[in-house]
Protein backbone atom coordinates (compact mmCIF):
# COMPACT_ATOMS: atom_id res chain seq x y z
CA MET A 1 0.00 0.00 0.00
CA ASP A 2 1.26 3.45 -0.89
CA LEU A 3 0.40 5.42 2.24
CA PRO A 4 2.43 8.55 3.00
CA GLN A 5 3.49 9.39 6.51
CA THR A 6 1.18 12.42 6.69
CA LEU A 7 -1.81 10.10 6.31
CA LEU A 8 -0.49 7.07 8.20
CA GLU A 9 0.45 8.77 11.46
CA PRO A 10 -3.05 10.13 12.27
CA VAL A 11 -4.42 6.61 11.69
CA LEU A 12 -1.86 5.15 14.09
CA VAL A 13 -2.48 7.80 16.75
CA ARG A 14 -6.24 7.31 16.53
CA HIS A 15 -5.88 3.53 16.77
CA ALA A 16 -3.56 3.84 19.76
CA ALA A 17 -5.98 6.19 21.54
CA LEU A 18 -8.91 3.84 20.95
CA SER A 19 -6.78 1.02 22.39
CA GLY A 20 -6.21 2.92 25.63
CA PHE A 21 -2.81 4.48 25.00
CA THR A 22 -1.98 8.09 25.81
CA THR A 23 -0.10 10.18 23.25
CA ARG A 24 1.58 13.33 24.50
CA PHE A 25 2.27 15.85 21.74
CA LYS A 26 4.63 18.81 22.22
CA THR A 27 6.53 16.82 24.84
CA THR A 28 10.31 16.49 25.07
CA LEU A 29 12.26 13.67 26.68
CA LEU A 30 14.93 15.33 28.82
CA SER A 31 16.62 12.27 30.30
CA PHE A 32 16.07 8.81 31.74
CA ALA A 33 17.76 6.72 34.40
CA GLU A 34 17.41 3.28 35.92
CA GLU A 35 16.16 3.38 39.48
CA PRO A 36 18.57 1.41 41.69
CA GLY A 37 17.18 -1.86 43.04
CA SER A 38 13.76 -1.63 41.42
CA GLY A 39 14.62 -2.40 37.81
CA LEU A 40 12.37 0.48 36.78
CA ILE A 41 13.34 3.24 34.38
CA VAL A 42 12.41 6.81 35.26
CA ALA A 43 12.01 9.17 32.30
CA THR A 44 11.93 12.94 32.81
CA VAL A 45 9.79 14.77 30.24
CA ARG A 46 8.85 18.39 29.65
CA ASP A 47 5.52 19.70 28.39
CA ASP A 48 6.70 22.26 25.82
CA ILE A 49 3.46 24.25 25.99
CA LEU A 50 3.04 24.53 29.77
CA GLY A 51 6.73 24.24 30.59
CA THR A 52 6.01 21.69 33.34
CA VAL A 53 8.35 18.78 33.99
CA SER A 54 7.14 15.34 35.06
CA ARG A 55 8.54 11.88 35.65
CA ILE A 56 7.28 8.62 34.16
CA CYS A 57 8.17 5.24 35.69
CA THR A 58 8.31 2.29 33.31
CA ARG A 59 9.74 -1.21 33.10
CA TYR A 60 10.77 -0.77 29.47
CA LEU A 61 11.72 2.24 27.40
CA PHE A 62 11.52 2.24 23.60
CA GLY A 63 13.55 4.81 21.71
CA ALA A 64 11.56 5.24 18.50
CA ASP A 65 12.44 8.92 18.41
CA GLY A 66 13.86 9.33 14.94
CA ALA A 67 17.17 10.27 13.36
CA ARG A 68 18.01 12.76 16.16
CA SER A 69 17.22 10.20 18.85
CA GLN A 70 17.77 11.44 22.38
CA VAL A 71 17.58 7.85 23.63
CA VAL A 72 20.39 6.66 21.33
CA LYS A 73 22.51 9.65 22.42
CA GLN A 74 22.04 9.05 26.13
CA LEU A 75 22.66 5.31 25.77
CA ASN A 76 25.74 6.20 23.73
CA LEU A 77 24.98 3.37 21.33
CA PRO A 78 27.90 2.91 18.92
CA LEU A 79 27.04 4.09 15.40
CA SER A 80 28.50 3.06 12.07
CA ILE A 81 28.52 6.30 10.08
CA LYS A 82 29.54 6.59 6.43
CA PRO A 83 29.80 9.92 4.58
CA GLY A 84 26.31 11.18 3.74
CA GLN A 85 24.97 12.22 0.35
CA GLY A 86 24.13 15.76 1.40
CA LEU A 87 20.97 17.72 2.14
CA ALA A 88 17.44 17.29 0.78
CA ILE A 89 14.53 19.74 1.12
CA ASN A 90 10.90 18.60 1.25
CA VAL A 91 8.35 21.07 -0.12
CA LEU A 92 4.76 19.88 0.42
CA VAL A 93 2.55 21.36 -2.29
CA LYS A 94 -1.11 21.47 -3.22
CA ALA A 95 -1.39 21.45 -7.02
CA ASP A 96 -3.69 19.58 -9.39
CA LEU A 97 -1.29 17.75 -11.73
CA SER A 98 -3.83 15.25 -13.05
CA HIS A 99 -3.45 16.60 -16.60
CA LEU A 100 0.28 15.85 -16.53
CA VAL A 101 -0.14 12.22 -15.46
CA GLU A 102 -3.37 11.43 -17.29
CA TYR A 103 -1.69 9.19 -19.87
CA ARG A 104 1.35 8.12 -17.87
CA LYS A 105 0.27 7.68 -14.30
CA GLY A 106 3.04 7.50 -11.75
CA ASN A 107 3.49 8.44 -8.12
CA LEU A 108 7.18 9.30 -8.25
CA HIS A 109 8.94 11.41 -10.89
CA TRP A 110 12.59 12.44 -11.12
CA VAL A 111 12.72 15.89 -12.73
CA MET A 112 15.92 17.09 -14.45
CA GLN A 113 16.26 20.15 -16.68
CA PRO A 114 19.87 20.11 -17.91
CA ASP A 115 19.15 22.69 -20.64
CA ARG A 116 17.98 25.30 -18.12
CA ASP A 117 19.58 27.36 -15.38
CA HIS A 118 18.78 26.18 -11.89
CA PRO A 119 19.15 27.60 -8.37
CA ASP A 120 21.80 26.03 -6.15
CA PHE A 121 19.20 25.02 -3.56
CA GLY A 122 17.45 22.73 -6.07
CA TRP A 123 19.49 21.61 -9.08
CA MET A 124 17.13 18.64 -9.54
CA GLY A 125 14.31 17.02 -7.64
CA ILE A 126 11.76 14.31 -7.09
CA VAL A 127 8.03 14.99 -7.42
CA ARG A 128 6.29 12.48 -5.18
CA MET A 129 2.52 12.01 -5.11
CA VAL A 130 0.94 12.31 -1.66
CA LYS A 131 -2.74 12.36 -2.67
CA PRO A 132 -3.79 11.62 -6.26
CA TRP A 133 -3.41 13.93 -8.00
CA ASN A 134 -3.60 17.22 -6.10
CA GLU A 135 -1.05 16.94 -3.29
CA TRP A 136 2.65 16.40 -3.98
CA MET A 137 6.00 16.38 -2.23
CA PHE A 138 8.69 18.23 -4.18
CA ILE A 139 12.03 16.92 -2.88
CA LEU A 140 14.80 19.32 -3.88
CA PHE A 141 18.49 18.39 -3.97
CA PRO A 142 20.90 21.32 -3.44
CA THR A 143 24.33 21.40 -5.02
CA ARG A 144 27.23 20.22 -2.85
CA GLU A 145 28.46 23.80 -2.51
CA TYR A 146 25.18 25.25 -1.28
CA ASP A 147 25.31 26.50 2.32
CA PHE A 148 21.74 26.29 3.60
CA ASP A 149 22.58 27.79 7.00
CA SER A 150 23.93 31.03 5.57
CA LYS A 151 21.34 31.46 2.81
CA GLN A 152 17.87 30.02 3.21
CA PRO A 153 15.54 30.28 0.20
CA SER A 154 12.38 32.33 0.58
CA ARG A 155 8.94 30.81 0.15
CA GLU A 156 8.66 32.67 -3.16
CA GLU A 157 11.88 31.05 -4.40
CA TYR A 158 10.59 27.61 -3.44
CA LEU A 159 7.32 28.30 -5.24
CA GLN A 160 9.17 29.42 -8.36
CA ARG A 161 11.17 26.17 -8.35
CA VAL A 162 7.93 24.21 -8.01
CA HIS A 163 6.54 26.02 -11.05
CA ASP A 164 9.78 25.32 -12.95
CA PHE A 165 9.29 21.60 -12.35
CA ILE A 166 5.58 21.64 -13.21
CA GLY A 167 6.33 23.41 -16.46
CA ASP A 168 3.08 25.32 -16.92
CA ASP A 169 0.91 27.85 -15.09
CA THR A 170 -0.90 25.33 -12.87
CA PRO A 171 -1.79 27.04 -9.54
CA ALA A 172 0.33 25.75 -6.65
CA GLU A 173 0.30 26.38 -2.92
CA ILE A 174 3.11 25.46 -0.51
CA ILE A 175 1.82 23.76 2.64
CA ASP A 176 5.09 23.07 4.44
CA VAL A 177 8.88 23.04 4.00
CA SER A 178 11.31 20.80 5.88
CA ARG A 179 14.80 19.49 5.36
CA TRP A 180 16.66 16.27 6.05
CA PHE A 181 20.05 14.75 5.42
CA ILE A 182 20.75 11.75 3.20
CA ASN A 183 22.43 9.60 5.85
CA GLU A 184 24.14 6.22 5.78
CA THR A 185 24.12 5.44 9.49
CA VAL A 186 23.25 2.34 11.50
CA ALA A 187 23.62 1.53 15.19
CA LYS A 188 25.92 -1.40 15.90
CA GLU A 189 23.64 -2.38 18.80
CA TYR A 190 19.93 -1.68 19.19
CA SER A 191 19.46 -2.10 22.93
CA HIS A 192 20.97 -1.85 26.38
CA GLY A 193 19.27 -3.47 29.36
CA ASN A 194 15.56 -2.73 29.17
CA VAL A 195 16.01 0.20 26.79
CA PHE A 196 15.36 -0.72 23.16
CA CYS A 197 15.84 1.52 20.14
CA LEU A 198 14.07 1.04 16.83
CA GLY A 199 13.15 2.72 13.58
CA ASP A 200 15.03 5.73 12.24
CA ALA A 201 16.75 6.07 15.60
CA VAL A 202 18.99 3.12 14.65
CA HIS A 203 18.95 3.08 10.83
CA ARG A 204 19.09 6.34 8.88
CA HIS A 205 18.99 6.36 5.11
CA PRO A 206 17.24 7.90 2.08
CA PRO A 207 13.78 6.61 1.12
CA LEU A 208 14.91 4.76 -2.01
CA ASN A 209 13.68 1.14 -2.32
CA GLY A 210 10.82 2.09 0.02
CA LEU A 211 12.58 0.49 3.00
CA GLY A 212 11.96 3.19 5.61
CA SER A 213 8.54 2.71 7.21
CA ASN A 214 8.62 -0.99 6.33
CA THR A 215 11.82 -1.60 8.29
CA CYS A 216 10.66 0.54 11.23
CA ILE A 217 7.42 -1.46 11.48
CA GLN A 218 9.37 -4.73 11.22
CA ASP A 219 11.57 -3.63 14.14
CA ALA A 220 8.46 -3.05 16.24
CA PHE A 221 6.85 -6.30 15.10
CA ASN A 222 9.96 -8.25 16.08
CA LEU A 223 10.16 -6.61 19.50
CA ALA A 224 6.48 -6.39 20.46
CA TRP A 225 5.68 -10.09 20.81
CA LYS A 226 8.91 -10.70 22.74
CA ILE A 227 8.15 -7.91 25.21
CA ALA A 228 4.59 -9.20 25.59
CA TYR A 229 5.73 -12.78 26.24
CA VAL A 230 8.34 -11.69 28.81
CA HIS A 231 5.89 -9.29 30.48
CA GLN A 232 3.30 -12.10 30.75
CA GLY A 233 5.85 -14.57 32.11
CA ILE A 234 5.60 -16.83 29.06
CA ALA A 235 9.24 -16.25 28.09
CA SER A 236 12.47 -15.56 29.93
CA PRO A 237 13.97 -12.04 29.70
CA ALA A 238 16.78 -13.73 27.77
CA LEU A 239 14.46 -13.75 24.73
CA LEU A 240 14.85 -9.97 24.50
CA ASN A 241 18.54 -10.39 23.68
CA SER A 242 17.53 -11.75 20.29
CA TYR A 243 16.00 -8.42 19.22
CA SER A 244 19.24 -6.60 18.45
CA VAL A 245 20.92 -9.77 17.14
CA GLU A 246 18.14 -10.30 14.60
CA ARG A 247 17.33 -6.76 13.53
CA GLN A 248 20.74 -5.06 13.43
CA PRO A 249 21.95 -7.01 10.36
CA VAL A 250 18.68 -6.06 8.63
CA GLY A 251 19.29 -2.39 9.42
CA GLN A 252 22.83 -2.70 8.07
CA SER A 253 21.59 -4.20 4.82
CA ILE A 254 18.82 -1.66 4.21
CA ILE A 255 20.93 1.47 4.81
CA THR A 256 23.48 0.04 2.39
CA ARG A 257 20.86 -0.79 -0.24
CA ALA A 258 19.00 2.53 0.02
CA ASN A 259 22.18 4.55 -0.35
CA GLN A 260 23.42 2.38 -3.19
CA ALA A 261 20.11 2.92 -4.96
CA PHE A 262 20.68 6.67 -4.64
CA ARG A 263 24.23 6.32 -5.99
CA ASP A 264 22.93 4.22 -8.90
CA HIS A 265 21.03 7.28 -10.12
CA PHE A 266 24.36 9.03 -10.77
CA ASN A 267 24.66 6.70 -13.78
CA ILE A 268 21.39 8.13 -15.13
CA TRP A 269 22.33 11.75 -14.55
CA GLU A 270 25.65 11.39 -16.39
CA PRO A 271 24.22 10.52 -19.88
CA LEU A 272 21.68 13.33 -19.48
CA GLY A 273 24.49 15.82 -18.95
CA MET A 274 23.49 16.87 -15.43
CA PHE A 275 27.07 16.89 -14.10
CA HIS A 276 28.32 19.59 -16.47
CA GLY A 277 28.86 22.89 -14.73
CA ASN A 278 27.29 25.25 -17.25
CA LYS A 279 24.04 25.26 -19.18
CA GLU A 280 25.71 25.23 -22.60
CA ASP A 281 27.60 21.98 -21.92
CA ARG A 282 24.52 20.39 -20.37
CA SER A 283 22.39 21.35 -23.36
CA LYS A 284 25.01 19.97 -25.75
CA ALA A 285 25.08 16.64 -23.88
CA LEU A 286 21.29 16.46 -23.90
CA GLN A 287 21.14 17.13 -27.63
CA GLU A 288 23.75 14.44 -28.20
CA LEU A 289 21.25 11.85 -26.95
CA ALA A 290 19.38 12.25 -30.24
CA ALA A 291 22.48 12.40 -32.45
CA ALA A 292 23.25 9.70 -35.02
CA THR A 293 26.88 9.59 -33.93
CA PRO A 294 29.06 7.12 -32.01
CA GLN A 295 28.98 9.52 -29.05
CA GLY A 296 25.19 9.72 -29.18
CA GLN A 297 24.92 5.96 -29.48
CA LYS A 298 27.12 5.45 -26.41
CA ARG A 299 25.15 8.01 -24.43
CA ARG A 300 21.89 6.22 -25.28
CA ARG A 301 23.34 2.83 -24.31
CA ASP A 302 24.60 4.21 -21.01
CA LEU A 303 21.20 5.74 -20.24
CA GLN A 304 19.32 2.54 -21.07
CA LYS A 305 21.71 0.44 -18.95
CA ALA A 306 21.41 2.82 -15.98
CA ILE A 307 17.61 2.90 -16.12
CA SER A 308 17.41 -0.89 -16.45
CA HIS A 309 19.54 -1.25 -13.33
CA THR A 310 16.95 0.63 -11.27
CA CYS A 311 15.04 -2.67 -11.12
CA HIS A 312 17.14 -3.25 -7.99
CA GLU A 313 15.35 -0.27 -6.47
CA PHE A 314 11.80 -0.75 -7.74
CA HIS A 315 11.65 -4.57 -7.80
CA GLY A 316 14.10 -5.45 -4.99
CA LEU A 317 12.02 -8.21 -3.38
CA GLY A 318 15.15 -9.94 -2.13
CA VAL A 319 16.22 -7.13 0.18
CA GLU A 320 12.60 -6.49 1.23
CA MET A 321 11.55 -10.07 1.96
CA GLY A 322 14.69 -12.21 2.09
CA GLN A 323 15.87 -11.53 5.64
CA ARG A 324 16.95 -14.58 7.62
CA TYR A 325 17.36 -14.38 11.40
CA SER A 326 20.00 -16.28 13.31
CA SER A 327 19.72 -16.02 17.09
CA SER A 328 18.68 -17.80 20.28
CA GLY A 329 15.10 -17.24 19.12
CA ILE A 330 15.68 -19.63 16.20
CA LEU A 331 16.56 -23.35 16.39
CA ASP A 332 18.09 -25.07 13.36
CA ASP A 333 19.87 -27.96 15.11
CA ASP A 334 17.53 -30.51 13.52
CA GLU A 335 18.29 -29.42 9.97
CA PRO A 336 20.12 -32.09 7.92
CA HIS A 337 21.85 -29.38 5.87
CA GLY A 338 22.82 -25.75 6.29
CA TYR A 339 20.86 -22.96 4.65
CA VAL A 340 21.69 -22.63 0.95
CA ARG A 341 20.23 -20.07 -1.44
CA SER A 342 19.31 -20.98 -5.01
CA ASP A 343 21.75 -19.95 -7.73
CA MET A 344 19.54 -17.01 -8.74
CA ALA A 345 19.07 -15.68 -5.20
CA ALA A 346 22.75 -16.18 -4.40
CA GLU A 347 23.77 -14.27 -7.52
CA ASP A 348 21.56 -11.27 -6.78
CA GLU A 349 20.18 -11.23 -3.22
CA VAL A 350 18.75 -7.73 -3.68
CA LEU A 351 16.55 -8.58 -6.65
CA TYR A 352 15.45 -12.17 -6.04
CA TYR A 353 13.37 -13.42 -3.11
CA GLU A 354 13.38 -17.15 -2.50
CA PRO A 355 10.50 -18.29 -0.23
CA SER A 356 11.66 -20.91 2.27
CA THR A 357 10.60 -22.49 5.56
CA TYR A 358 14.21 -22.90 6.72
CA PRO A 359 14.44 -21.73 10.35
CA GLY A 360 14.99 -17.99 10.50
CA CYS A 361 13.20 -17.28 7.21
CA ARG A 362 9.95 -15.42 6.75
CA LEU A 363 6.96 -17.76 6.50
CA PRO A 364 6.12 -18.05 2.77
CA HIS A 365 2.73 -16.91 1.53
CA VAL A 366 0.63 -19.78 0.12
CA TRP A 367 -3.07 -19.69 -0.74
CA LEU A 368 -5.11 -22.37 1.07
CA ASN A 369 -8.78 -23.28 1.01
CA LYS A 370 -11.29 -25.74 2.46
CA PRO A 371 -12.31 -29.05 0.79
CA ILE A 372 -15.58 -27.31 -0.07
CA PRO A 373 -14.13 -24.01 -1.33
CA THR A 374 -14.72 -20.83 0.62
CA LYS A 375 -12.74 -17.59 0.62
CA PRO A 376 -9.00 -18.40 0.15
CA VAL A 377 -6.79 -17.92 3.20
CA SER A 378 -3.05 -17.26 3.23
CA THR A 379 -0.61 -19.08 5.48
CA ILE A 380 0.38 -15.55 6.56
CA ASP A 381 -3.11 -14.96 7.94
CA LEU A 382 -3.26 -18.31 9.73
CA ALA A 383 -0.03 -17.54 11.57
CA GLY A 384 0.67 -14.64 13.93
CA HIS A 385 -2.04 -12.98 16.01
CA GLY A 386 0.17 -13.22 19.10
CA CYS A 387 0.49 -17.02 18.84
CA PHE A 388 3.03 -19.59 17.80
CA THR A 389 1.69 -21.69 14.92
CA LEU A 390 2.56 -25.26 13.98
CA PHE A 391 1.92 -26.45 10.42
CA THR A 392 1.83 -30.17 9.70
CA GLY A 393 0.12 -32.49 7.20
CA ILE A 394 -1.14 -36.01 6.52
CA GLY A 395 0.44 -38.40 9.00
CA GLY A 396 1.28 -35.58 11.43
CA GLU A 397 -1.58 -36.21 13.87
CA SER A 398 0.89 -36.67 16.74
CA TRP A 399 2.16 -33.13 16.19
CA LYS A 400 -1.39 -31.81 16.56
CA VAL A 401 -1.94 -33.62 19.86
CA SER A 402 1.53 -32.66 21.07
CA ALA A 403 0.95 -28.99 20.27
CA GLN A 404 -2.24 -28.95 22.33
CA ASN A 405 -0.50 -30.65 25.27
CA VAL A 406 2.56 -28.39 25.12
CA ALA A 407 0.41 -25.27 24.90
CA HIS A 408 -1.43 -26.37 28.05
CA SER A 409 1.61 -27.52 30.05
CA LEU A 410 3.81 -24.49 29.26
CA GLY A 411 1.03 -21.90 29.10
CA ILE A 412 1.96 -20.86 25.56
CA PRO A 413 -0.42 -19.57 22.87
CA LEU A 414 0.11 -22.29 20.25
CA GLN A 415 -2.24 -23.11 17.41
CA VAL A 416 -1.89 -25.93 14.88
CA HIS A 417 -3.06 -26.41 11.29
CA SER A 418 -2.84 -29.48 9.08
CA ILE A 419 -2.39 -28.82 5.36
CA GLY A 420 -3.10 -31.45 2.72
CA TYR A 421 -5.77 -33.50 1.01
CA ARG A 422 -8.92 -33.45 3.19
CA GLN A 423 -7.02 -31.86 6.09
CA ASP A 424 -7.87 -28.62 7.93
CA TRP A 425 -6.73 -26.76 4.83
CA GLU A 426 -6.18 -27.93 1.27
CA ASP A 427 -3.08 -26.97 -0.66
CA VAL A 428 -5.11 -26.14 -3.75
CA TYR A 429 -2.19 -25.05 -5.95
CA PHE A 430 0.39 -27.44 -4.40
CA ASP A 431 2.50 -24.42 -3.44
CA TRP A 432 2.85 -25.54 0.19
CA GLN A 433 4.07 -28.94 -0.99
CA ARG A 434 6.70 -27.17 -3.07
CA LEU A 435 7.82 -24.78 -0.31
CA ARG A 436 7.26 -26.54 3.01
CA GLY A 437 10.74 -28.13 3.01
CA VAL A 438 9.63 -31.10 5.13
CA GLU A 439 7.73 -34.35 4.56
CA GLU A 440 3.94 -34.47 4.78
CA SER A 441 4.15 -35.70 8.37
CA GLY A 442 6.78 -33.12 9.31
CA ALA A 443 6.23 -29.88 11.21
CA VAL A 444 7.00 -26.20 10.67
CA LEU A 445 6.88 -24.01 13.79
CA VAL A 446 6.24 -20.30 13.18
CA ARG A 447 6.78 -17.48 15.69
CA PRO A 448 4.19 -14.77 16.39
CA ASP A 449 6.11 -12.44 14.05
CA ARG A 450 5.63 -15.02 11.25
CA PHE A 451 9.25 -16.12 11.04
CA VAL A 452 10.01 -19.84 11.08
CA ALA A 453 11.43 -20.85 14.45
CA TRP A 454 12.07 -24.57 13.89
CA ARG A 455 10.98 -27.51 11.78
CA ALA A 456 10.99 -31.31 11.88
CA GLN A 457 11.49 -33.27 8.69
CA GLU A 458 8.94 -35.94 9.62
CA ILE A 459 6.92 -37.46 12.43
CA LEU A 460 8.92 -39.03 15.26
CA ASN A 461 8.53 -42.64 16.32
CA SER A 462 5.91 -41.96 18.99
CA ALA A 463 3.48 -39.34 20.23
CA GLU A 464 5.53 -39.08 23.42
CA ALA A 465 8.69 -38.37 21.42
CA CYS A 466 6.88 -35.63 19.44
CA GLU A 467 5.67 -33.98 22.64
CA ALA A 468 9.08 -34.20 24.29
CA LYS A 469 10.76 -32.68 21.22
CA LEU A 470 8.23 -29.87 20.89
CA THR A 471 8.51 -29.09 24.61
CA LYS A 472 12.30 -28.88 24.34
CA VAL A 473 12.09 -26.66 21.25
CA MET A 474 9.63 -24.23 22.82
CA LYS A 475 11.66 -23.96 26.02
CA TYR A 476 14.80 -23.24 24.02
CA ILE A 477 13.20 -20.52 21.89
CA LEU A 478 11.58 -18.85 24.89
CA GLY A 479 14.71 -19.14 27.03
CA ARG A 480 13.01 -21.20 29.72
């Protein structure tokens, strides 16, 4: 779903309020400290409207406070920082551009005008749809030499640049202007004690590949069920150690990919002549694109190659979906072989996603249905919902009984589904058979965050053995 932050955040706040949470706007975290002997954390916050200061006692503190995170600073979490790509300026605009996209609809447009003069605060930009087709984000990229602190553009100058990009006399109104830096920064650790950092606080990067909100939500999804299980006494606090171990490598990979996607665009700008310093040279390079000369032919080949390579940005399912966790929250001791990617996925792990039930992988999506067809249901929707889920098949009846017994004896939310001919669910397209990675009587155990925790290749020699194995596995994963 393409849902911009300006629309998503009010939905989240409203949902949180209806669920009993309190949201304090215009409030600044001043500091926090662990209270000796109690294990509680005391946070000191200031109401920026009234000026009053209050203290909040909590067992856990979550630093989801963005790229200027106060929590990360106070924890002094070590950061891996690479040189950034400079400044970007967001200009939120109301303008009806439906006539410009009527025959070539798109929600994101790179705009370059090499044959025109341009201001240093916006030599090129991205026009990003917020609401179709009358609200847009104009993201301006200043030149490297531009000093924003000493010379800030006026609102009239921003509006003129917006009109330059639009290219006609369409009315436009600026709603807001903000700026951000194109960072390549990731925390080497995400937590310390009962303080956990997530989102942009620990991975800071440009929005290319669309990995920003997705990765932030994944951080929270990974952490939330673990906190809930520890808080409810279902799991040992040791489970929380797996959060940073699992998510930090993901953060490392996405900040690298997003920044590389930005750098890949340099190869597009070059054939278009954008790197030439003066308008005459840029115009000459642009005209050469249409020339029946060896130079023109090379420029066209370079442009086509560079644009084709952006598939790694716009179709990068591998980097979006192909994460594999390795931690104490995953058990792969019963695997006969180590994890091996297919040749295609191994060759290009950014582009190609290979669904797998190997422990640590994301549960693959497979459509299932009933023997008498009803509305199709995905494996994704059967799993999760705060529960562990065990998938088995024909011959795996002992796993079903064992799961019920283990859930009762250990007090664990554990549901079980049998997939196969005339089972709880039918594998109508045989996709589960192709992806499950175990025999029909085997078992695939999925965590509440829909990552595979463990699997058994086939049924064991007795119901007692199945129950003993499942008990041991659950205790290991939950640190009990």
